[in-house]
Every structure is written in structure tokens, then in C-alpha cells.
Protein backbone atom coordinates (compact mmCIF):
# COMPACT_ATOMS: atom_id res chain seq x y z
CA MET A 1 -9.30 26.94 -45.34
CA ALA A 2 -10.62 29.60 -42.59
CA ILE A 3 -11.03 27.61 -38.93
CA THR A 4 -14.57 28.89 -37.33
CA ALA A 5 -14.97 28.63 -33.15
CA ALA A 6 -18.01 25.86 -34.47
CA MET A 7 -15.13 23.76 -36.01
CA VAL A 8 -13.26 24.27 -32.83
CA LYS A 9 -15.82 23.64 -30.34
CA GLU A 10 -16.68 20.76 -32.70
CA LEU A 11 -13.44 19.31 -32.41
CA ARG A 12 -13.12 20.05 -28.63
CA GLU A 13 -16.41 17.64 -27.78
CA LEU A 14 -14.55 15.01 -30.14
CA THR A 15 -11.17 14.96 -28.11
CA GLY A 16 -11.22 16.63 -24.78
CA ALA A 17 -8.21 18.44 -25.77
CA GLY A 18 -8.21 21.78 -25.48
CA MET A 19 -9.14 24.79 -27.47
CA MET A 20 -5.30 26.18 -28.71
CA ASP A 21 -4.68 22.29 -29.04
CA CYS A 22 -7.63 21.81 -31.12
CA LYS A 23 -7.27 25.57 -33.10
CA LYS A 24 -3.46 24.48 -33.93
CA ALA A 25 -4.75 20.81 -35.00
CA LEU A 26 -7.92 21.93 -37.34
CA GLY A 27 -4.75 24.41 -38.85
CA GLU A 28 -2.28 21.84 -39.32
CA THR A 29 -5.09 19.59 -41.29
CA ASP A 30 -6.54 22.40 -43.71
CA GLY A 31 -9.95 21.77 -41.28
CA ASN A 32 -10.44 18.21 -42.00
CA MET A 33 -12.05 16.69 -38.64
CA ASP A 34 -10.89 13.01 -39.37
CA GLU A 35 -7.42 14.19 -39.37
CA ALA A 36 -7.36 16.77 -36.79
CA VAL A 37 -8.38 14.13 -34.94
CA GLU A 38 -5.67 11.73 -35.54
CA TYR A 39 -3.42 14.42 -34.99
CA LEU A 40 -3.83 15.02 -31.76
CA ARG A 41 -4.13 11.61 -30.77
CA LYS A 42 -0.34 11.18 -32.20
CA ASN A 43 0.79 14.88 -30.61
CA GLY A 44 -1.26 13.30 -26.80
CA GLN A 45 1.51 10.66 -27.93
CA ALA A 46 4.40 12.71 -27.99
CA LYS A 47 3.60 14.81 -25.39
CA ALA A 48 2.92 11.24 -23.12
CA GLU A 49 6.27 9.99 -23.53
CA LYS A 50 7.61 13.27 -22.46
CA LYS A 51 6.12 12.62 -19.20
CA ALA A 52 6.52 9.36 -18.86
CA GLY A 53 9.38 9.31 -17.15
CA ARG A 54 8.52 11.74 -14.12
CA ILE A 55 7.05 9.89 -11.28
CA ALA A 56 3.02 9.45 -10.38
CA ALA A 57 2.50 9.18 -6.53
CA GLU A 58 -0.51 11.27 -6.15
CA GLY A 59 -3.70 10.02 -7.82
CA LEU A 60 -7.36 7.57 -6.76
CA CYS A 61 -7.82 4.48 -6.19
CA THR A 62 -11.82 3.84 -6.93
CA VAL A 63 -14.37 0.56 -6.65
CA VAL A 64 -17.38 -0.31 -8.76
CA VAL A 65 -19.82 -3.14 -7.78
CA LYS A 66 -21.74 -4.71 -10.85
CA ASP A 67 -25.13 -6.74 -9.77
CA ASP A 68 -24.15 -6.79 -6.51
CA LYS A 69 -21.62 -9.98 -7.46
CA THR A 70 -18.87 -8.72 -8.91
CA ALA A 71 -16.64 -5.55 -7.80
CA ALA A 72 -13.49 -4.01 -8.95
CA VAL A 73 -10.91 -1.27 -7.82
CA VAL A 74 -8.33 0.39 -9.89
CA GLU A 75 -5.50 2.63 -8.78
CA VAL A 76 -4.72 5.61 -11.27
CA ASN A 77 -1.89 7.41 -10.26
CA SER A 78 -1.39 11.48 -11.24
CA GLU A 79 1.46 13.54 -10.32
CA THR A 80 0.29 16.34 -8.53
CA ASP A 81 -2.60 16.06 -5.41
CA PHE A 82 -4.40 18.98 -7.07
CA VAL A 83 -5.12 16.58 -10.48
CA ALA A 84 -6.31 13.89 -8.30
CA LYS A 85 -9.09 16.09 -6.70
CA ASN A 86 -10.05 17.52 -10.56
CA ASP A 87 -13.36 16.61 -11.77
CA THR A 88 -12.48 15.95 -15.16
CA PHE A 89 -9.45 13.52 -13.22
CA ARG A 90 -12.17 11.53 -11.11
CA GLU A 91 -14.28 10.70 -13.99
CA PHE A 92 -12.12 9.40 -15.91
CA VAL A 93 -10.53 7.02 -12.52
CA GLU A 94 -14.60 6.51 -13.14
CA ALA A 95 -14.47 4.65 -16.08
CA VAL A 96 -11.20 2.84 -15.78
CA ALA A 97 -12.95 0.76 -12.38
CA THR A 98 -16.11 0.19 -15.58
CA GLN A 99 -14.27 -1.16 -17.55
CA ALA A 100 -12.08 -3.59 -14.68
CA VAL A 101 -15.26 -4.68 -13.69
CA ASN A 102 -16.65 -5.69 -17.56
CA SER A 103 -13.22 -6.67 -18.67
CA ASP A 104 -11.89 -10.11 -19.17
CA ALA A 105 -8.30 -9.00 -18.94
CA ALA A 106 -6.17 -11.51 -16.80
CA ASP A 107 -3.07 -8.44 -16.71
CA MET A 108 -2.66 -4.82 -16.96
CA ASP A 109 -0.94 -5.31 -20.27
CA ALA A 110 -4.10 -6.94 -21.60
CA PHE A 111 -5.88 -4.69 -20.03
CA MET A 112 -4.48 -1.51 -21.81
CA ALA A 113 -5.09 -3.16 -24.58
CA GLU A 114 -8.85 -3.21 -24.65
CA LYS A 115 -11.05 -1.58 -26.76
CA TRP A 116 -12.05 1.87 -24.18
CA ASN A 117 -15.98 1.36 -23.31
CA GLN A 118 -16.42 4.57 -23.65
CA ASP A 119 -15.32 4.94 -27.19
CA ASN A 120 -14.47 1.61 -29.51
CA SER A 121 -11.86 3.37 -32.02
CA ILE A 122 -9.45 3.79 -29.18
CA THR A 123 -7.63 1.40 -26.53
CA VAL A 124 -7.65 1.77 -22.72
CA LYS A 125 -3.85 2.85 -23.13
CA GLU A 126 -5.02 5.41 -26.18
CA ALA A 127 -7.54 6.98 -23.76
CA LEU A 128 -4.90 7.32 -20.85
CA VAL A 129 -2.86 9.07 -23.30
CA ALA A 130 -5.94 11.56 -24.13
CA GLN A 131 -6.05 12.03 -20.59
CA ILE A 132 -2.62 12.84 -19.90
CA ALA A 133 -2.68 15.48 -22.92
CA LYS A 134 -5.60 16.81 -21.36
CA ILE A 135 -4.50 17.54 -18.00
CA GLY A 136 -0.82 18.12 -18.74
CA GLU A 137 0.45 15.54 -16.26
CA ASN A 138 1.78 12.16 -16.70
CA LEU A 139 -0.74 9.79 -15.83
CA ASN A 140 -0.68 6.05 -14.70
CA ILE A 141 -3.52 2.86 -14.80
CA ARG A 142 -1.46 1.56 -12.22
CA ARG A 143 -3.30 -1.72 -11.32
CA PHE A 144 -6.88 -3.33 -11.17
CA GLU A 145 -8.40 -6.54 -9.60
CA LYS A 146 -11.67 -7.76 -9.66
CA ILE A 147 -13.58 -10.15 -7.58
CA ALA A 148 -16.09 -12.05 -8.98
CA THR A 149 -18.56 -14.12 -6.44
CA ASP A 150 -21.58 -15.77 -5.69
CA GLY A 151 -21.05 -14.51 -2.16
CA VAL A 152 -22.04 -10.59 -0.54
CA VAL A 153 -19.51 -8.20 -2.10
CA ILE A 154 -19.04 -4.74 0.05
CA ASP A 155 -16.84 -1.99 -0.72
CA TYR A 156 -15.43 1.05 0.88
CA ILE A 157 -13.47 4.19 -0.04
CA HIS A 158 -11.59 6.14 2.39
CA GLY A 159 -10.06 9.26 2.96
CA GLY A 160 -11.68 10.82 -0.51
CA GLY A 161 -10.18 8.00 -2.42
CA ARG A 162 -6.92 7.27 -0.77
CA ILE A 163 -7.69 3.65 0.13
CA GLY A 164 -9.89 1.25 -1.45
CA VAL A 165 -11.36 -2.12 -0.42
CA ILE A 166 -13.25 -4.97 -1.81
CA VAL A 167 -14.41 -7.62 0.86
CA VAL A 168 -16.22 -10.51 0.13
CA GLY A 169 -18.14 -12.43 2.64
CA LYS A 170 -19.81 -15.94 2.34
CA GLY A 171 -23.21 -15.72 4.44
CA GLU A 172 -26.55 -14.79 3.29
CA ALA A 173 -27.33 -11.28 2.52
CA THR A 174 -29.10 -9.57 5.80
CA ASP A 175 -28.52 -6.14 6.51
CA ALA A 176 -26.60 -6.97 9.79
CA VAL A 177 -24.18 -9.29 7.31
CA LYS A 178 -23.40 -5.97 4.81
CA GLU A 179 -23.43 -3.59 7.97
CA ALA A 180 -20.77 -6.20 9.41
CA LEU A 181 -18.93 -6.92 6.39
CA THR A 182 -19.04 -2.73 5.75
CA ASN A 183 -16.87 -2.62 9.57
CA ILE A 184 -14.85 -4.82 8.10
CA ALA A 185 -13.22 -3.13 5.26
CA MET A 186 -13.22 0.08 7.86
CA GLN A 187 -10.68 -2.06 9.79
CA VAL A 188 -9.38 -3.44 6.61
CA ALA A 189 -8.91 0.10 5.92
CA ALA A 190 -7.16 1.46 8.56
CA MET A 191 -5.02 -1.48 10.16
CA ASN A 192 -4.15 -3.19 6.74
CA PRO A 193 -3.75 -6.97 7.42
CA GLN A 194 -1.23 -8.52 4.66
CA TYR A 195 -3.61 -11.79 4.95
CA VAL A 196 -6.60 -12.87 6.04
CA SER A 197 -6.15 -15.98 7.92
CA ARG A 198 -3.09 -17.52 9.29
CA ASN A 199 -3.88 -20.33 7.31
CA ASP A 200 -3.30 -18.13 4.20
CA ILE A 201 0.73 -17.92 5.37
CA SER A 202 2.43 -20.15 3.40
CA ASP A 203 5.35 -22.55 5.22
CA GLU A 204 8.03 -20.91 3.72
CA GLU A 205 6.25 -16.94 4.96
CA LEU A 206 5.91 -18.62 8.67
CA ALA A 207 9.72 -20.36 8.62
CA LYS A 208 11.26 -16.86 7.54
CA MET A 209 8.97 -15.03 10.01
CA HIS A 210 10.01 -17.07 13.33
CA ASP A 211 13.60 -16.74 11.91
CA ILE A 212 13.69 -13.33 11.42
CA THR A 213 11.87 -13.06 15.35
CA LEU A 214 14.42 -15.15 16.43
CA GLU A 215 17.80 -13.44 15.17
CA SER A 216 15.72 -9.99 16.32
CA ALA A 217 15.30 -12.23 20.01
CA LEU A 218 19.19 -13.01 20.12
CA ASN A 219 20.19 -9.33 18.74
CA ASP A 220 18.62 -8.40 21.90
CA PRO A 221 19.75 -10.13 24.81
CA PHE A 222 18.71 -7.94 27.71
CA THR A 223 15.00 -9.04 26.60
CA LEU A 224 15.89 -12.66 27.23
CA PRO A 225 14.53 -15.03 29.80
CA LYS A 226 16.84 -14.29 32.74
CA PRO A 227 19.12 -17.73 32.68
CA ILE A 228 19.75 -17.15 29.50
CA LEU A 229 20.68 -13.45 30.18
CA ASN A 230 22.62 -14.41 33.31
CA ALA A 231 24.32 -17.19 31.27
CA LEU A 232 25.08 -15.02 28.63
CA LEU A 233 26.11 -12.22 31.40
CA ASP A 234 29.09 -15.20 32.36
CA LYS A 235 30.75 -15.22 29.65
CA ALA A 236 31.06 -11.81 28.92
CA VAL A 237 32.89 -10.86 32.24
CA ASP A 238 35.43 -13.71 31.61
CA GLY A 239 37.22 -11.92 29.55
CA VAL A 240 35.27 -10.87 26.86
CA TRP A 241 33.97 -7.01 28.37
CA GLY A 242 36.33 -4.35 29.34
CA ASP A 243 36.61 -3.61 33.08
CA GLU A 244 34.87 -0.62 33.73
CA ASP A 245 31.68 -2.82 32.90
CA VAL A 246 33.02 -5.90 34.27
CA ALA A 247 32.44 -3.93 37.91
CA ILE A 248 29.47 -2.01 36.83
CA LEU A 249 28.12 -5.44 36.66
CA GLU A 250 29.20 -6.44 39.80
CA GLU A 251 27.51 -3.59 41.47
CA LYS A 252 24.59 -4.28 40.02
CA ARG A 253 24.35 -8.25 41.09
CA ASN A 254 25.35 -6.98 44.55
CA ASP A 255 22.55 -4.49 44.80
CA LYS A 256 19.48 -6.96 45.42
CA LYS A 257 17.35 -3.44 45.58
CA PHE A 258 18.20 -3.06 41.87
CA ASN A 259 15.91 -3.75 39.03
CA PHE A 260 17.75 -5.92 36.16
CA ASN A 261 15.47 -3.79 32.98
CA TYR A 262 17.84 -1.08 33.90
CA LEU A 263 21.17 -2.68 33.45
CA PRO A 264 21.66 -1.92 29.75
CA ASN A 265 21.39 2.07 30.84
CA PHE A 266 24.52 1.74 33.00
CA LEU A 267 26.70 -0.19 30.65
CA SER A 268 29.08 0.55 27.11
CA GLU A 269 27.76 0.34 23.12
CA ASP A 270 31.10 -1.98 23.14
CA ALA A 271 29.57 -3.87 25.84
CA LYS A 272 26.29 -4.76 24.82
CA SER A 273 27.19 -5.68 21.54
CA LYS A 274 29.87 -7.53 22.85
CA LEU A 275 27.22 -9.49 24.59
CA ALA A 276 24.30 -10.01 21.47
CA GLU A 277 27.57 -11.51 19.89
CA ILE A 278 28.01 -14.08 22.10
CA ALA A 279 24.07 -14.44 22.26
CA VAL A 280 24.64 -14.76 17.95
CA ALA A 281 27.13 -17.28 18.45
CA ASP A 282 25.19 -19.01 21.08
CA LYS A 283 22.20 -19.76 18.51
CA ASP A 284 22.73 -23.39 18.28
CA SER A 285 22.30 -24.01 22.13
CA ILE A 286 20.01 -21.20 23.36
CA SER A 287 17.59 -22.05 20.37
CA GLU A 288 16.88 -25.32 22.05
CA ASN A 289 16.30 -23.69 25.52
CA LYS A 290 12.68 -24.78 25.96
CA ILE A 291 11.81 -20.81 27.68
CA PHE A 292 13.79 -19.57 24.60
CA LYS A 293 11.62 -21.21 22.27
CA GLY A 294 8.67 -19.94 24.18
CA LEU A 295 9.04 -16.63 23.86
CA VAL A 296 10.14 -16.68 20.63
CA GLU A 297 6.72 -18.76 19.53
CA GLY A 298 5.23 -15.62 21.65
CA ARG A 299 6.46 -12.64 19.85
CA VAL A 300 5.60 -14.69 16.05
CA SER A 301 2.13 -15.15 17.23
CA LYS A 302 1.83 -11.54 18.62
CA GLN A 303 3.30 -10.65 15.09
CA LEU A 304 -0.03 -12.84 13.41
CA LYS A 305 -2.45 -10.75 15.34
CA ASP A 306 -0.99 -8.02 13.67
CA ILE A 307 -1.06 -9.25 10.11
CA CYS A 308 -4.10 -11.30 10.03
CA LEU A 309 -7.59 -10.00 9.55
CA LEU A 310 -9.24 -12.29 11.55
CA ASP A 311 -6.97 -12.62 14.70
CA GLN A 312 -6.63 -8.43 14.42
CA THR A 313 -8.29 -6.70 17.64
CA TYR A 314 -11.89 -5.60 16.31
CA VAL A 315 -10.98 -1.81 16.54
CA ARG A 316 -14.76 -1.28 17.83
CA ALA A 317 -15.09 -3.97 19.95
CA GLU A 318 -16.82 -2.55 23.51
CA ASP A 319 -14.14 -4.77 25.99
CA GLY A 320 -10.85 -4.09 23.97
CA LYS A 321 -9.88 -7.57 22.97
CA GLN A 322 -13.08 -9.77 20.97
CA THR A 323 -10.97 -10.39 17.42
CA VAL A 324 -13.00 -9.72 13.67
CA SER A 325 -13.27 -13.49 13.60
CA GLN A 326 -15.35 -13.20 17.11
CA TYR A 327 -17.30 -9.98 15.98
CA LEU A 328 -18.18 -12.05 12.61
CA ALA A 329 -19.48 -14.98 14.74
CA THR A 330 -21.59 -12.28 17.09
CA VAL A 331 -23.59 -11.25 13.74
CA ASN A 332 -23.95 -15.29 12.10
CA LYS A 333 -21.70 -18.11 12.74
CA ASP A 334 -22.24 -19.29 9.36
CA LEU A 335 -20.55 -15.95 7.89
CA SER A 336 -17.06 -15.94 7.17
CA LEU A 337 -14.80 -14.03 5.02
CA VAL A 338 -14.17 -15.28 1.19
CA ALA A 339 -11.54 -12.33 -0.01
CA VAL A 340 -10.11 -9.10 0.78
CA VAL A 341 -8.39 -6.87 -1.41
CA ARG A 342 -7.03 -3.16 -0.29
CA PHE A 343 -5.67 -0.68 -2.36
CA GLU A 344 -3.39 2.69 -0.85
CA VAL A 345 -2.73 5.33 -3.14
CA GLY A 346 1.33 5.48 -4.03
CA GLU A 347 2.16 2.49 -1.64
CA GLY A 348 5.41 1.06 -2.81
CA ILE A 349 6.50 3.77 -5.18
CA GLU A 350 9.30 6.23 -4.13
CA LYS A 351 8.37 9.48 -4.43
CA LYS A 352 10.32 12.39 -4.84
CA GLU A 353 11.98 14.72 -2.16
CA GLU A 354 11.06 18.05 -3.13
CA ASP A 355 13.11 20.76 -1.72
CA PHE A 356 11.25 23.71 -2.52
CA ALA A 357 13.67 26.27 -0.76
CA ALA A 358 16.27 24.93 -2.87
CA GLU A 359 14.09 24.74 -5.57
CA VAL A 360 13.17 28.37 -5.24
CA ALA A 361 16.56 29.68 -5.02
CA ALA A 362 17.66 28.04 -7.53
CA GLN A 363 15.21 29.69 -9.72
CA GLN A 364 16.34 32.99 -8.18
CA ALA A 365 20.02 32.46 -9.68
CA ALA A 366 19.03 31.52 -12.89
CA ALA A 367 16.21 35.10 -13.19
CA ALA A 368 19.63 36.43 -11.56
CA LYS A 369 22.08 35.28 -14.74
CA LYS A 370 19.69 36.13 -17.45
């Protein structure tokens, strides 16, 4: 059967596949449109399987809000930033987000098995396969999160789609509240807090943070309170350090004008290492020291201020001190944060290191052999 341009155009409009792929599909199926569609789907699956091993760490995050009460954020990955800027890819990511905001799926497997909203004859997974065949790169719907609430929902996209944020607040949905929550969404995008408040951190996580901070302090003894450091130095000179380091310490101790903060600059690396070993060995006794306990608690508190949104310094604070919690209270004393979600493209994905010069050299060497 003769394959006409009109037939190729019709198949292309049905599937979105490339012109040459459509022409080949019609030729393989003797012009049968339904069989050609199925051929393209199977061919797309084969192409997708070949590309599946390739790392997709670029892409887009986007958010869709429905009826001002439900929001979904998704991350869809591509292999290159070039594809991430492609209108076809962007439209697909928007469609995935729309699918997510209307989905009841509890996990990614269930989501991928759903019927595709834009074409109920295929699943979300099959729609993804079709996009891989069309775009020519490995693509991946990596994750989604949906939030339904009676609160105030604000969405924010940063960096052209590099970061997608949802913030849900509890309070009257006034313009001032919406503006405040938008400001908080911008803070979330910039500062990447791990928790909304300290109450969200489990006792186990807090204990782990405390232990790591304690061990870190012991392994950096020159930052310890002076009474503890001096006791450690006394042990170090008692047969642990070499003569040269002992002499340096005695010289600096006798110099009343010397700033002991600079002592590490004069000691050998071996001496500093051995001092840390002494501190770690004395962990039990040092941990009971009231001054040391205060030091550890202070450092833990500082970390909490960095990772807990409400404790962070509000980035637009005029005095440079106002916390996010204090800022929200100035807008409305009853305004509170219910939930925060932040997706960033490629976070946690180990990217392949590209050596462009080596790749060019390898191509030139291969060409020379021909």
C-alpha cells in the first residue's frame, strides 16, 4: 500500500512521533493506522530500554495547584539541560504535575500504572516511554508529592524550574498572609531547611546530632574551653609529644603576650593528632564537664537554627536577626506553617563526570584508525 504524506501527518498527530518514524511504522504495517500506533509504542519501549542505563540528572521541577487547596510538585529528569529547556519536555512535565495533583496514588509504582489523563488508552509509564522516543534522551519521572489541605497553599518555582516549593500555612487567606507565605517559599528555595521546626526532629536524630557534635569537638581540641585544653596539653607533654613540640609549648606558655589561638600554627601535625587522640580517650570525663556540655549544646543549637525553618534568620529581616517565626507573628499572630515541600533537580543523583578533552581526543584517535 502506498504511504501518503497525509497518512504520515495523521499518525504524527496521533502519536507525536517523528516524521521518519511514522513513515517507517506505516510501511511496516502496510498503512494500517492502529497497527502503526502500536508499532510506534513498542518501538518506543525498545528505545527507552536502550536508554534506561544513561544517567538523567537534569530536568525540571514544577508545581500545580488545584482549587487553591491541593498542590502537587514533581521532578522529571532528562540527560541534558538542553532538553530541559525544550518546550515539548516542559509541556510534558506540566502534564505530569497535573496528573499528580489529580492522582490518588500512594507511591511511584501506582502513579506510573495509572491511566494517563491526556490519553486514557495508555498509562503514565507508556506516556513517558513515548516522550523518550520523541525526545531521544533517557527521561525519568523521579518523584512527586501531593498535599491537600484546608489551609493556604502557596507554590514557588525558582531558577526556571530547578527548584519547586510548596508552602502550606494555617490562617486567614488574606493578601498579607499570602505574601508572607510567598516570602517563606522563597526562603525555603534559597536556604533549604530540613525541618519546619525543632518539634519535627525525632529524639533519635537529635541524639545522633549531639553525638556527632561531641565527637567533632573532641577531635578539634584547640576549640575546647581553655581549662580543658590546658589539661590535655599537660598530658601531651608528659611523654606523649616529641621534645621539639614540648619546647614550643613551653616557650609560648612563658610568653604572656602570646595569643593561644595561634598555637596550632607552631606545632607539628603529629603533635596535633596526638592531642586529639588524648581528648577522645578522655571522652567520658570531658563529657561530664559543665563547660564542655554548654559548648556542645551551643553548637547543636546553632545547627538547629540552620536546618529548622522557623529558627532560621528571615532573609529579608531589616535587623538581620529576626527569625522566620518572629516574622510570621508580625504578619498575623495566629499564622502558622503546616507543611513545606522542596524539590531540587538532581539532588542526590550521582552525576557522571564528563572529561570533554578526553572525549574529543578519543574520537580523534578513533577517526585516525579508519
